[in-house]
């Protein structure tokens, strides 16, 4: 989960810079939250089913 947080923190400036000026701060914050949930869900799925890289 620490890696998930790191990936999210690295992607956060891109989300804020791309969505913020177009749709506003509230939409950018919602997109950032949605990105965190999506990345955490992917991490949970990989860890729960012990998937390995091909």
Protein backbone atom coordinates (compact mmCIF):
# COMPACT_ATOMS: atom_id res chain seq x y z
CA UNK A 1 0.00 0.00 0.00
CA UNK A 2 2.96 2.33 0.49
CA UNK A 3 3.79 1.95 -3.19
CA UNK A 4 0.19 2.79 -4.03
CA UNK A 5 0.45 6.00 -2.03
CA UNK A 6 3.72 6.84 -3.78
CA UNK A 7 2.21 6.30 -7.23
CA UNK A 8 -0.77 8.43 -6.29
CA UNK A 9 1.42 11.23 -4.95
CA UNK A 10 3.47 11.22 -8.16
CA UNK A 11 0.32 11.33 -10.32
CA UNK A 12 -1.37 13.99 -8.19
CA UNK A 13 0.32 17.05 -9.77
CA UNK A 14 -0.63 15.87 -13.26
CA UNK A 15 -4.25 15.38 -12.23
CA UNK A 16 -4.40 18.79 -10.58
CA UNK A 17 -2.64 20.60 -13.43
CA UNK A 18 -4.72 18.97 -16.17
CA UNK A 19 -8.16 18.97 -14.56
CA UNK A 20 -7.90 21.99 -12.26
CA UNK A 21 -7.77 24.75 -14.89
CA UNK A 22 -10.42 23.11 -17.06
CA UNK A 23 -13.03 22.09 -14.50
CA UNK A 24 -12.08 23.76 -11.23
CA UNK A 25 -10.53 22.75 -7.95
CA UNK A 26 -13.52 20.72 -6.73
CA UNK A 27 -13.51 18.51 -9.84
CA UNK A 28 -9.74 18.10 -9.59
CA UNK A 29 -10.04 17.03 -5.96
CA UNK A 30 -12.76 14.53 -6.85
CA UNK A 31 -10.63 13.15 -9.68
CA UNK A 32 -7.64 12.84 -7.35
CA UNK A 33 -9.76 10.99 -4.80
CA UNK A 34 -11.12 8.73 -7.50
CA UNK A 35 -7.60 8.01 -8.69
CA UNK A 36 -6.56 7.06 -5.15
CA UNK A 37 -9.50 4.69 -4.83
CA UNK A 38 -8.78 3.14 -8.25
CA UNK A 39 -5.09 2.62 -7.55
CA UNK A 40 -5.85 1.20 -4.09
CA UNK A 41 -8.41 -1.20 -5.61
CA UNK A 42 -5.88 -2.42 -8.16
CA UNK A 43 -3.30 -2.89 -5.40
CA UNK A 44 -5.79 -4.77 -3.25
CA UNK A 45 -6.76 -7.01 -6.17
CA UNK A 46 -3.13 -7.86 -6.94
CA UNK A 47 -2.34 -8.55 -3.28
CA UNK A 48 -5.54 -10.51 -2.57
CA UNK A 49 -5.06 -12.92 -5.46
CA UNK A 50 -1.24 -12.95 -5.25
CA UNK A 51 -0.84 -12.14 -8.92
CA UNK A 52 2.67 -12.27 -10.31
CA UNK A 53 4.18 -10.44 -13.22
CA UNK A 54 4.43 -12.51 -16.40
